[in-house]
Amino acid sequence: MNKRIIALLMAGAMVGSMTGCAPKKAEVPAAPVTQGQETSGSETGEASAPSEKGVTISLWKWIPTEGVQIDSVVEAWEKEHPEIHLDITHVGEAAKVFQKYSAALPAGEGPTILAMQVGARANQFKDFCEPLAPYAVEKWGADWEDMFLDTALEQCRWSGDDYTVLPGGMTAAPAIEYNVNAFEKLGITELPKTLEDLYAIIEKSKADGQMIPGVGIGAKEGWTCRDVYMSIMNQIAPGKIYDAVDGKTSFTDAEFLEGMQIWKDMFDHGLFAEGSLGTALYPDVNDNMMMGGSDGKKYYIMEVCGTWHGSSMTKAQIEEFAEQGNCDPELHLGAFPFPAVKEGCEPNMAATVDIAWGINKNATEEEKKAAFEFISWMAAGKGQEVFCNTLQVLPAAKNINMDAGKASLNGEKEVEALEMFESYVQNNVGNREIPYPEISNALDNTLTAVAGGVMTPEEAVKSIQEASDSVSR
């Protein structure tokens, strides 16, 4: 577990991402503590007492990831806030952070700043979170909500209108990332717009013995399956899945059955790579994708992804991964929306607040004020700009300059991918996250079961509706 302390001025909160969605191969060791910085050594995450040099606040995180992302955020923060000290513990995947919260927060412990996910997680821990609306009004004024994307604030309100969390960045899914060099080798000059186009590319790839035919999806984990199914549903019956989630219509309606059959056909017809049900997107598929066959092994030339994959399209990240032996140094990556599943349909992406920030109710008043200074900086200030330009997340706040992020990309196809990502976040079809774990889990479980042939589409939609019926809305 990496720890570090960072010097800062009146501030507080940072760092996280959804369902472990960082396309990183391995965590880069944290930079050494610089001269004059303190180390906390506190495994509880409790902030140290204020001193004449300032106040120390603590954070457990999964993102910004170690290396380029956190270093850029820390450097910018230290320049603007030299009197607030941040004790950062990098925990690893998001699930591990929440596991630590489950033990620490009920005991009156835990970090000052709570890296959070909207929806089920924020609801799980909201009783331990300080309401942030009063801080926001004091900091930004009565019209502060106008600073953010509507989707971002809507999702933050899932855990209360008093805003126990504020958005730190957006992501959207699904898209398909592709190996630019492999596409060029196959003579592919146009990106697929329909499933038929995508099947044609898969067929072409079979002529190259090193390329793995089909799209890598990592269907061992249900969330990747859910992303694709929600896209299918938002193509054939836009918005209806949200009505079903809200209990306004039934998951057994004909459109949901049609969507489940389309999902099954994708596996039956080889759209997804063989063995997908036995692999996870991270690390299995993505690690292989980043190597691009440079290790002599068979490799994926396409994988299901989200906008967070922009972070692995930068020149700096490719160089860093290549130095570690984890990436083809000549790798170039592009992306396209998941294609139209039938005539008359349009591609789409659903968006989520990928990282949100909260304040631990158990903190002192001085620590809470410092924490909100950091949260405001990460949500709508320089921190939002710096973090978003690492391309791990895209802006939740309006009018954030992304020029630095575009300039950092590894080539023309990467720039085109980022522009596509930005467009779909800003024009998203709806929420990626489902606020009811009963429905979310049912979707995850039934989609993998249908893909594996152990459940029929009819059985699947019935099972999802049974889960929906159990929800207390």
Protein backbone atom coordinates (compact mmCIF):
# COMPACT_ATOMS: atom_id res chain seq x y z
CA MET A 1 0.00 0.00 0.00
CA ASN A 2 1.60 3.25 -1.09
CA LYS A 3 1.41 6.29 1.15
CA ARG A 4 2.50 9.80 0.60
CA ILE A 5 1.95 13.22 1.95
CA ILE A 6 1.53 16.21 -0.16
CA ALA A 7 1.81 19.82 0.86
CA LEU A 8 -1.33 21.92 0.30
CA LEU A 9 -3.37 25.13 1.33
CA MET A 10 -6.96 25.10 2.48
CA ALA A 11 -8.36 22.15 0.74
CA GLY A 12 -9.67 18.71 0.53
CA ALA A 13 -10.76 15.82 -1.71
CA MET A 14 -9.78 13.68 -4.52
CA VAL A 15 -9.52 10.44 -6.39
CA GLY A 16 -11.42 7.31 -7.71
CA SER A 17 -13.03 5.40 -10.71
CA MET A 18 -15.85 3.11 -11.52
CA THR A 19 -15.91 -0.64 -11.20
CA GLY A 20 -12.16 -0.74 -11.29
CA CYS A 21 -12.26 0.75 -14.75
CA ALA A 22 -8.72 2.04 -15.13
CA PRO A 23 -6.99 0.62 -18.19
CA LYS A 24 -3.73 0.46 -16.27
CA LYS A 25 -1.61 -2.64 -16.35
CA ALA A 26 0.11 -2.15 -13.03
CA GLU A 27 0.31 0.55 -10.45
CA VAL A 28 3.43 2.68 -10.73
CA PRO A 29 5.22 3.17 -7.37
CA ALA A 30 4.46 6.47 -5.70
CA ALA A 31 7.08 9.16 -5.93
CA PRO A 32 9.28 9.50 -2.86
CA VAL A 33 8.26 12.02 -0.24
CA THR A 34 10.01 15.31 -0.90
CA GLN A 35 12.10 17.14 1.65
CA GLY A 36 9.95 19.01 4.13
CA GLN A 37 6.92 16.74 3.72
CA GLU A 38 5.63 14.65 6.59
CA THR A 39 4.62 11.01 6.54
CA SER A 40 1.56 9.97 8.44
CA GLY A 41 1.97 6.28 9.06
CA SER A 42 -1.70 6.22 10.08
CA GLU A 43 -3.36 3.06 8.85
CA THR A 44 -6.75 4.31 10.00
CA GLY A 45 -6.57 7.23 7.60
CA GLU A 46 -7.25 9.71 10.40
CA ALA A 47 -5.94 13.18 9.66
CA SER A 48 -3.19 14.51 11.88
CA ALA A 49 -3.86 17.38 14.24
CA PRO A 50 -3.56 20.92 12.86
CA SER A 51 -0.17 22.53 13.38
CA GLU A 52 1.31 25.96 12.93
CA LYS A 53 2.30 24.85 9.43
CA GLY A 54 -1.28 24.04 8.40
CA VAL A 55 -3.76 21.19 8.52
CA THR A 56 -3.43 17.62 7.27
CA ILE A 57 -6.34 15.83 5.66
CA SER A 58 -6.35 12.24 4.43
CA LEU A 59 -7.60 10.37 1.39
CA TRP A 60 -7.86 6.74 0.35
CA LYS A 61 -7.98 6.39 -3.42
CA TRP A 62 -8.04 4.20 -6.49
CA ILE A 63 -7.79 7.07 -8.97
CA PRO A 64 -6.02 9.23 -10.01
CA THR A 65 -3.78 6.23 -10.58
CA GLU A 66 -0.20 6.17 -9.38
CA GLY A 67 2.35 7.70 -11.72
CA VAL A 68 1.48 10.28 -14.36
CA GLN A 69 -2.08 10.95 -13.15
CA ILE A 70 -1.53 11.56 -9.45
CA ASP A 71 1.81 13.29 -10.04
CA SER A 72 0.22 15.90 -12.30
CA VAL A 73 -2.60 16.55 -9.82
CA VAL A 74 -0.22 16.80 -6.87
CA GLU A 75 2.14 19.18 -8.65
CA ALA A 76 -0.69 21.57 -9.50
CA TRP A 77 -2.18 21.36 -5.99
CA GLU A 78 1.11 22.09 -4.24
CA LYS A 79 1.61 25.23 -6.30
CA GLU A 80 -1.76 26.66 -5.29
CA HIS A 81 -2.20 25.24 -1.77
CA PRO A 82 1.09 24.94 0.14
CA GLU A 83 -0.51 25.02 3.60
CA ILE A 84 -2.91 22.07 3.44
CA HIS A 85 -1.19 18.73 3.70
CA LEU A 86 -2.78 15.71 2.05
CA ASP A 87 -2.02 12.22 3.33
CA ILE A 88 -2.80 9.92 0.39
CA THR A 89 -3.11 6.16 0.65
CA HIS A 90 -3.36 4.37 -2.69
CA VAL A 91 -5.52 1.34 -1.90
CA GLY A 92 -5.85 -0.19 -5.37
CA GLU A 93 -9.17 -1.11 -6.96
CA ALA A 94 -12.36 0.73 -6.01
CA ALA A 95 -13.84 -2.34 -4.32
CA LYS A 96 -10.92 -2.44 -1.88
CA VAL A 97 -11.50 1.19 -0.92
CA PHE A 98 -15.14 0.47 -0.09
CA GLN A 99 -14.14 -2.61 1.88
CA LYS A 100 -11.92 -0.41 4.05
CA TYR A 101 -14.71 2.14 4.45
CA SER A 102 -17.04 -0.60 5.69
CA ALA A 103 -14.72 -1.29 8.61
CA ALA A 104 -13.49 2.23 9.35
CA LEU A 105 -16.49 4.56 8.99
CA PRO A 106 -18.88 2.82 11.43
CA ALA A 107 -16.04 2.94 13.96
CA GLY A 108 -15.74 6.71 13.62
CA GLU A 109 -12.51 6.45 11.65
CA GLY A 110 -11.51 6.59 7.98
CA PRO A 111 -10.06 9.35 5.79
CA THR A 112 -11.16 12.97 5.79
CA ILE A 113 -11.99 12.88 2.09
CA LEU A 114 -14.17 10.05 0.80
CA ALA A 115 -13.53 8.95 -2.78
CA MET A 116 -16.94 7.65 -3.80
CA GLN A 117 -19.08 6.26 -6.60
CA VAL A 118 -22.59 7.56 -7.24
CA GLY A 119 -25.57 5.28 -6.85
CA ALA A 120 -25.41 2.19 -4.68
CA ARG A 121 -22.04 3.01 -3.09
CA ALA A 122 -22.91 6.60 -2.20
CA ASN A 123 -26.21 5.36 -0.76
CA GLN A 124 -24.38 2.71 1.26
CA PHE A 125 -22.15 5.29 2.96
CA LYS A 126 -24.25 8.46 2.88
CA ASP A 127 -24.89 8.40 6.63
CA PHE A 128 -21.16 8.94 7.13
CA CYS A 129 -20.96 11.82 4.61
CA GLU A 130 -21.22 15.52 5.38
CA PRO A 131 -23.92 17.35 3.32
CA LEU A 132 -22.02 19.48 0.81
CA ALA A 133 -24.77 21.79 -0.48
CA PRO A 134 -24.14 24.44 2.24
CA TYR A 135 -20.42 24.44 1.45
CA ALA A 136 -21.17 24.79 -2.27
CA VAL A 137 -23.49 27.76 -1.75
CA GLU A 138 -20.90 29.48 0.43
CA LYS A 139 -18.09 28.79 -2.07
CA TRP A 140 -19.85 29.40 -5.39
CA GLY A 141 -23.15 31.14 -4.66
CA ALA A 142 -26.81 30.15 -4.97
CA ASP A 143 -26.54 29.28 -8.68
CA TRP A 144 -23.61 26.90 -8.19
CA GLU A 145 -25.42 23.97 -9.84
CA ASP A 146 -25.20 25.77 -13.19
CA MET A 147 -21.45 25.08 -13.17
CA PHE A 148 -21.95 21.34 -13.76
CA LEU A 149 -23.42 19.00 -16.36
CA ASP A 150 -27.02 18.10 -15.56
CA THR A 151 -26.25 14.37 -15.72
CA ALA A 152 -23.46 14.75 -13.18
CA LEU A 153 -25.61 16.46 -10.56
CA GLU A 154 -28.61 14.20 -11.19
CA GLN A 155 -26.47 11.20 -10.29
CA CYS A 156 -25.02 12.90 -7.22
CA ARG A 157 -28.58 13.57 -6.01
CA TRP A 158 -29.32 9.83 -5.99
CA SER A 159 -27.96 9.87 -2.43
CA GLY A 160 -29.85 13.00 -1.40
CA ASP A 161 -30.70 16.54 -2.47
CA ASP A 162 -28.25 17.82 0.14
CA TYR A 163 -25.41 16.49 -2.04
CA THR A 164 -23.43 14.13 0.15
CA VAL A 165 -21.09 13.84 -2.86
CA LEU A 166 -19.99 16.14 -5.70
CA PRO A 167 -18.82 14.99 -9.14
CA GLY A 168 -15.12 14.65 -9.89
CA GLY A 169 -15.28 13.49 -13.50
CA MET A 170 -17.40 11.71 -16.10
CA THR A 171 -16.99 8.57 -18.17
CA ALA A 172 -19.23 6.94 -20.75
CA ALA A 173 -19.55 3.47 -22.29
CA PRO A 174 -19.54 1.34 -24.30
CA ALA A 175 -17.11 1.98 -27.11
CA ILE A 176 -14.73 -0.36 -28.91
CA GLU A 177 -11.01 0.34 -28.80
CA TYR A 178 -8.94 -0.94 -31.69
CA ASN A 179 -5.29 -1.49 -32.57
CA VAL A 180 -4.55 1.04 -35.31
CA ASN A 181 -1.53 -0.89 -36.60
CA ALA A 182 -3.56 -4.09 -36.89
CA PHE A 183 -6.34 -2.34 -38.80
CA GLU A 184 -3.78 -0.89 -41.21
CA LYS A 185 -2.22 -4.33 -41.66
CA LEU A 186 -5.65 -5.71 -42.56
CA GLY A 187 -6.30 -2.86 -45.00
CA ILE A 188 -9.24 -1.49 -43.01
CA THR A 189 -9.74 2.17 -43.90
CA GLU A 190 -13.25 2.84 -42.56
CA LEU A 191 -14.49 2.26 -39.04
CA PRO A 192 -17.57 0.02 -38.67
CA LYS A 193 -20.96 1.67 -38.39
CA THR A 194 -23.11 -1.49 -38.26
CA LEU A 195 -22.77 -4.97 -36.83
CA GLU A 196 -22.33 -6.27 -40.37
CA ASP A 197 -19.32 -3.98 -40.80
CA LEU A 198 -17.88 -5.26 -37.53
CA TYR A 199 -18.39 -8.90 -38.49
CA ALA A 200 -16.56 -8.19 -41.76
CA ILE A 201 -13.52 -6.93 -39.84
CA ILE A 202 -13.58 -9.99 -37.60
CA GLU A 203 -13.68 -12.23 -40.67
CA LYS A 204 -10.67 -10.41 -42.16
CA SER A 205 -8.69 -10.85 -38.96
CA LYS A 206 -8.97 -14.63 -39.21
CA ALA A 207 -6.44 -14.56 -42.05
CA ASP A 208 -3.74 -13.40 -39.62
CA GLY A 209 -2.77 -16.26 -37.34
CA GLN A 210 -1.58 -13.98 -34.54
CA MET A 211 -4.75 -11.90 -34.26
CA ILE A 212 -7.57 -13.09 -31.99
CA PRO A 213 -10.85 -12.91 -33.95
CA GLY A 214 -13.68 -11.05 -32.27
CA VAL A 215 -13.98 -8.25 -29.77
CA GLY A 216 -12.51 -8.79 -26.32
CA ILE A 217 -15.18 -8.10 -23.71
CA GLY A 218 -14.09 -9.82 -20.52
CA ALA A 219 -17.57 -11.21 -19.91
CA LYS A 220 -16.37 -12.96 -16.76
CA GLU A 221 -17.41 -9.71 -15.06
CA GLY A 222 -21.02 -8.72 -15.55
CA TRP A 223 -20.53 -4.95 -15.73
CA THR A 224 -19.00 -5.11 -19.20
CA CYS A 225 -21.99 -7.15 -20.35
CA ARG A 226 -24.38 -4.65 -18.77
CA ASP A 227 -22.73 -1.75 -20.61
CA VAL A 228 -23.33 -3.44 -23.96
CA TYR A 229 -26.89 -4.54 -23.15
CA MET A 230 -27.84 -1.04 -22.04
CA SER A 231 -26.47 0.29 -25.33
CA ILE A 232 -28.53 -2.29 -27.24
CA MET A 233 -31.66 -1.28 -25.34
CA ASN A 234 -31.03 2.43 -25.83
CA GLN A 235 -30.74 1.75 -29.55
CA ILE A 236 -33.90 -0.31 -30.06
CA ALA A 237 -36.07 1.42 -27.40
CA PRO A 238 -34.38 4.67 -26.33
CA GLY A 239 -34.92 5.44 -22.65
CA LYS A 240 -37.14 2.45 -21.92
CA ILE A 241 -34.58 0.73 -19.73
CA TYR A 242 -34.70 3.69 -17.35
CA ASP A 243 -38.49 3.41 -17.17
CA ALA A 244 -38.10 -0.24 -16.23
CA VAL A 245 -35.48 0.60 -13.60
CA ASP A 246 -37.93 3.13 -12.13
CA GLY A 247 -40.69 0.50 -12.07
CA LYS A 248 -42.79 2.27 -14.71
CA THR A 249 -42.68 -0.63 -17.15
CA SER A 250 -41.67 -4.29 -17.11
CA PHE A 251 -38.40 -5.93 -18.10
CA THR A 252 -40.54 -8.67 -19.64
CA ASP A 253 -41.80 -6.32 -22.37
CA ALA A 254 -41.05 -7.35 -25.94
CA GLU A 255 -38.24 -4.83 -26.45
CA PHE A 256 -36.21 -6.25 -23.56
CA LEU A 257 -36.62 -9.77 -24.89
CA GLU A 258 -35.49 -8.59 -28.33
CA GLY A 259 -32.46 -6.92 -26.78
CA MET A 260 -31.58 -10.09 -24.88
CA GLN A 261 -31.82 -12.12 -28.09
CA ILE A 262 -29.52 -9.67 -29.89
CA TRP A 263 -27.07 -10.04 -27.00
CA LYS A 264 -27.19 -13.85 -27.27
CA ASP A 265 -26.69 -13.72 -31.03
CA MET A 266 -23.51 -11.68 -30.60
CA PHE A 267 -21.92 -14.59 -28.74
CA ASP A 268 -23.44 -17.27 -30.95
CA HIS A 269 -22.18 -15.56 -34.12
CA GLY A 270 -18.65 -14.80 -32.90
CA LEU A 271 -18.84 -11.04 -32.43
CA PHE A 272 -17.09 -11.49 -29.09
CA ALA A 273 -13.84 -13.40 -28.92
CA GLU A 274 -13.84 -17.08 -28.04
CA GLY A 275 -13.28 -17.65 -24.33
CA SER A 276 -14.77 -14.29 -23.34
CA LEU A 277 -16.75 -15.79 -20.46
CA GLY A 278 -13.52 -16.94 -18.83
CA THR A 279 -11.65 -13.64 -19.03
CA ALA A 280 -11.91 -10.29 -17.28
CA LEU A 281 -11.44 -7.03 -19.15
CA TYR A 282 -8.85 -5.99 -16.56
CA PRO A 283 -6.25 -7.30 -16.51
CA ASP A 284 -6.73 -10.19 -18.95
CA VAL A 285 -7.98 -8.58 -22.15
CA ASN A 286 -6.50 -5.12 -21.71
CA ASP A 287 -3.01 -6.34 -20.78
CA ASN A 288 -2.95 -8.46 -23.93
CA MET A 289 -4.33 -5.59 -26.02
CA MET A 290 -1.57 -3.25 -24.84
CA MET A 291 1.14 -5.71 -25.87
CA GLY A 292 -0.25 -5.71 -29.41
CA GLY A 293 1.45 -9.00 -30.25
CA SER A 294 4.92 -7.58 -29.60
CA ASP A 295 5.59 -10.49 -27.22
CA GLY A 296 4.92 -13.01 -29.98
CA LYS A 297 1.61 -14.11 -28.48
CA LYS A 298 -1.84 -14.00 -30.07
CA TYR A 299 -3.44 -10.66 -29.38
CA TYR A 300 -6.77 -8.86 -29.36
CA ILE A 301 -7.14 -6.16 -31.98
CA MET A 302 -10.40 -4.86 -30.46
CA GLU A 303 -11.84 -4.63 -26.95
CA VAL A 304 -14.94 -3.17 -25.35
CA CYS A 305 -13.97 -0.02 -23.48
CA GLY A 306 -15.16 3.26 -22.06
CA THR A 307 -13.96 6.82 -22.36
CA TRP A 308 -11.44 6.24 -19.56
CA HIS A 309 -9.28 4.44 -22.10
CA GLY A 310 -8.20 7.85 -23.32
CA SER A 311 -5.69 7.80 -20.46
CA SER A 312 -3.79 4.93 -22.10
CA MET A 313 -3.72 6.69 -25.48
CA THR A 314 -1.24 9.37 -24.41
CA LYS A 315 2.36 9.38 -25.53
CA ALA A 316 3.56 9.52 -21.91
CA GLN A 317 1.54 6.46 -20.86
CA ILE A 318 2.62 4.41 -23.86
CA GLU A 319 6.25 5.27 -23.12
CA GLU A 320 5.82 4.49 -19.42
CA PHE A 321 4.14 1.14 -20.07
CA ALA A 322 6.74 0.24 -22.73
CA GLU A 323 9.60 0.97 -20.31
CA GLN A 324 7.97 -1.44 -17.85
CA GLY A 325 7.74 -4.10 -20.57
CA ASN A 326 3.94 -3.92 -20.49
CA CYS A 327 3.23 -2.38 -23.89
CA ASP A 328 4.23 -2.43 -27.53
CA PRO A 329 6.32 0.78 -27.88
CA GLU A 330 4.89 1.26 -31.38
CA LEU A 331 1.27 0.85 -30.25
CA HIS A 332 -1.39 3.22 -31.55
CA LEU A 333 -4.99 2.98 -30.38
CA GLY A 334 -8.27 4.32 -31.73
CA ALA A 335 -11.91 3.89 -30.77
CA PHE A 336 -15.39 3.91 -32.28
CA PRO A 337 -18.91 3.75 -30.79
CA PHE A 338 -20.55 0.35 -30.43
CA PRO A 339 -22.18 -0.03 -33.87
CA ALA A 340 -25.88 0.09 -34.70
CA VAL A 341 -27.42 -3.30 -33.92
CA LYS A 342 -30.05 -3.10 -36.65
CA GLU A 343 -31.34 -0.76 -39.34
CA GLY A 344 -32.74 2.50 -38.00
CA CYS A 345 -30.73 2.38 -34.78
CA GLU A 346 -28.07 4.87 -33.72
CA PRO A 347 -24.96 4.30 -31.57
CA ASN A 348 -25.05 5.73 -28.07
CA MET A 349 -23.20 5.81 -24.79
CA ALA A 350 -24.48 6.04 -21.25
CA ALA A 351 -22.57 8.27 -18.85
CA THR A 352 -21.69 8.15 -15.19
CA VAL A 353 -19.93 10.21 -12.57
CA ASP A 354 -16.89 7.95 -12.43
CA ILE A 355 -15.48 9.48 -9.28
CA ALA A 356 -17.31 11.57 -6.71
CA TRP A 357 -16.03 13.26 -3.56
CA GLY A 358 -17.44 13.36 -0.05
CA ILE A 359 -16.35 14.51 3.41
CA ASN A 360 -16.22 12.25 6.46
CA LYS A 361 -18.72 13.45 9.07
CA ASN A 362 -16.27 12.45 11.80
CA ALA A 363 -13.71 15.06 10.70
CA THR A 364 -13.17 18.26 12.69
CA GLU A 365 -14.63 21.53 11.41
CA GLU A 366 -11.16 22.72 10.36
CA GLU A 367 -10.57 19.49 8.45
CA LYS A 368 -14.00 19.70 6.79
CA LYS A 369 -13.30 23.23 5.53
CA ALA A 370 -9.93 22.13 4.19
CA ALA A 371 -11.49 19.05 2.63
CA PHE A 372 -14.13 21.08 0.80
CA GLU A 373 -11.44 23.42 -0.52
CA PHE A 374 -9.85 20.40 -2.14
CA ILE A 375 -13.16 18.96 -3.32
CA SER A 376 -14.14 22.25 -4.93
CA TRP A 377 -10.71 22.40 -6.60
CA MET A 378 -11.11 18.85 -7.94
CA ALA A 379 -14.77 19.29 -8.93
CA ALA A 380 -14.76 22.65 -10.70
CA GLY A 381 -11.33 24.24 -10.31
CA LYS A 382 -7.80 23.72 -11.53
CA GLY A 383 -7.82 20.17 -10.19
CA GLN A 384 -10.75 19.26 -12.45
CA GLU A 385 -8.83 20.60 -15.45
CA VAL A 386 -5.59 18.84 -14.54
CA PHE A 387 -7.20 15.48 -13.74
CA CYS A 388 -9.47 15.54 -16.80
CA ASN A 389 -6.49 16.30 -19.02
CA THR A 390 -4.93 13.00 -17.92
CA LEU A 391 -7.98 11.58 -19.78
CA GLN A 392 -8.89 9.13 -17.02
CA VAL A 393 -12.15 11.07 -16.73
CA LEU A 394 -13.79 13.81 -18.77
CA PRO A 395 -15.24 17.02 -17.30
CA ALA A 396 -18.25 17.00 -15.00
CA ALA A 397 -17.96 20.78 -14.78
CA LYS A 398 -18.64 23.07 -17.72
CA ASN A 399 -16.04 25.12 -19.60
CA ILE A 400 -13.04 22.95 -18.73
CA ASN A 401 -10.15 23.41 -21.17
CA MET A 402 -9.00 20.06 -22.63
CA ASP A 403 -6.23 21.34 -24.92
CA ALA A 404 -3.47 19.81 -22.81
CA GLY A 405 -5.11 16.39 -22.95
CA LYS A 406 -5.43 16.51 -26.72
CA ALA A 407 -1.82 17.64 -27.09
CA SER A 408 -0.65 14.68 -24.98
CA LEU A 409 -2.17 12.05 -27.27
CA ASN A 410 -0.04 9.61 -29.21
CA GLY A 411 -1.33 10.34 -32.71
CA GLU A 412 -4.15 11.38 -35.03
CA LYS A 413 -6.36 8.35 -34.37
CA GLU A 414 -6.07 8.92 -30.64
CA VAL A 415 -7.22 12.54 -31.08
CA GLU A 416 -10.20 11.36 -33.11
CA ALA A 417 -11.06 8.89 -30.34
CA LEU A 418 -10.94 11.60 -27.66
CA GLU A 419 -13.17 13.90 -29.69
CA MET A 420 -15.65 11.06 -30.08
CA PHE A 421 -15.50 10.35 -26.33
CA GLU A 422 -16.14 14.01 -25.50
CA SER A 423 -19.12 14.17 -27.83
CA TYR A 424 -20.80 11.11 -26.32
CA VAL A 425 -20.25 12.27 -22.74
CA GLN A 426 -21.81 15.64 -23.51
CA ASN A 427 -24.65 14.07 -25.51
CA ASN A 428 -25.09 10.91 -23.47
CA VAL A 429 -28.24 8.83 -23.82
CA GLY A 430 -28.73 8.49 -20.07
CA ASN A 431 -27.22 7.13 -16.89
CA ARG A 432 -24.72 4.30 -17.03
CA GLU A 433 -25.14 3.39 -13.39
CA ILE A 434 -28.30 1.78 -12.03
CA PRO A 435 -29.12 3.03 -8.52
CA TYR A 436 -30.65 -0.27 -7.37
CA PRO A 437 -28.12 -3.07 -6.77
CA GLU A 438 -30.88 -5.70 -7.03
CA ILE A 439 -31.47 -4.78 -10.70
CA SER A 440 -27.83 -4.15 -11.51
CA ASN A 441 -26.78 -7.52 -10.10
CA ALA A 442 -29.64 -9.29 -11.86
CA LEU A 443 -28.56 -7.82 -15.19
CA ASP A 444 -24.95 -8.83 -14.60
CA ASN A 445 -25.86 -12.39 -13.68
CA THR A 446 -28.47 -13.04 -16.36
CA LEU A 447 -26.41 -11.54 -19.18
CA THR A 448 -23.47 -13.84 -18.47
CA ALA A 449 -25.87 -16.76 -18.11
CA VAL A 450 -27.50 -16.06 -21.47
CA ALA A 451 -24.10 -15.61 -23.13
CA GLY A 452 -23.03 -18.97 -21.72
CA GLY A 453 -26.19 -20.74 -22.86
CA VAL A 454 -27.34 -21.68 -19.36
CA MET A 455 -30.35 -19.36 -19.42
CA THR A 456 -32.72 -18.46 -22.23
CA PRO A 457 -33.54 -14.83 -23.07
CA GLU A 458 -37.10 -15.46 -21.85
CA GLU A 459 -35.85 -16.76 -18.50
CA ALA A 460 -33.43 -13.86 -18.22
CA VAL A 461 -35.93 -11.04 -18.60
CA LYS A 462 -38.30 -12.76 -16.19
CA SER A 463 -35.50 -13.03 -13.63
CA ILE A 464 -34.60 -9.35 -14.02
CA GLN A 465 -38.22 -8.35 -13.50
CA GLU A 466 -38.40 -10.46 -10.35
CA ALA A 467 -35.40 -8.54 -9.04
CA SER A 468 -37.07 -5.27 -10.01
CA ASP A 469 -40.22 -6.28 -8.13
CA SER A 470 -38.13 -6.72 -4.98
CA VAL A 471 -36.83 -3.14 -5.05
CA SER A 472 -38.16 -0.66 -2.51
CA ARG A 473 -38.33 2.55 -4.53
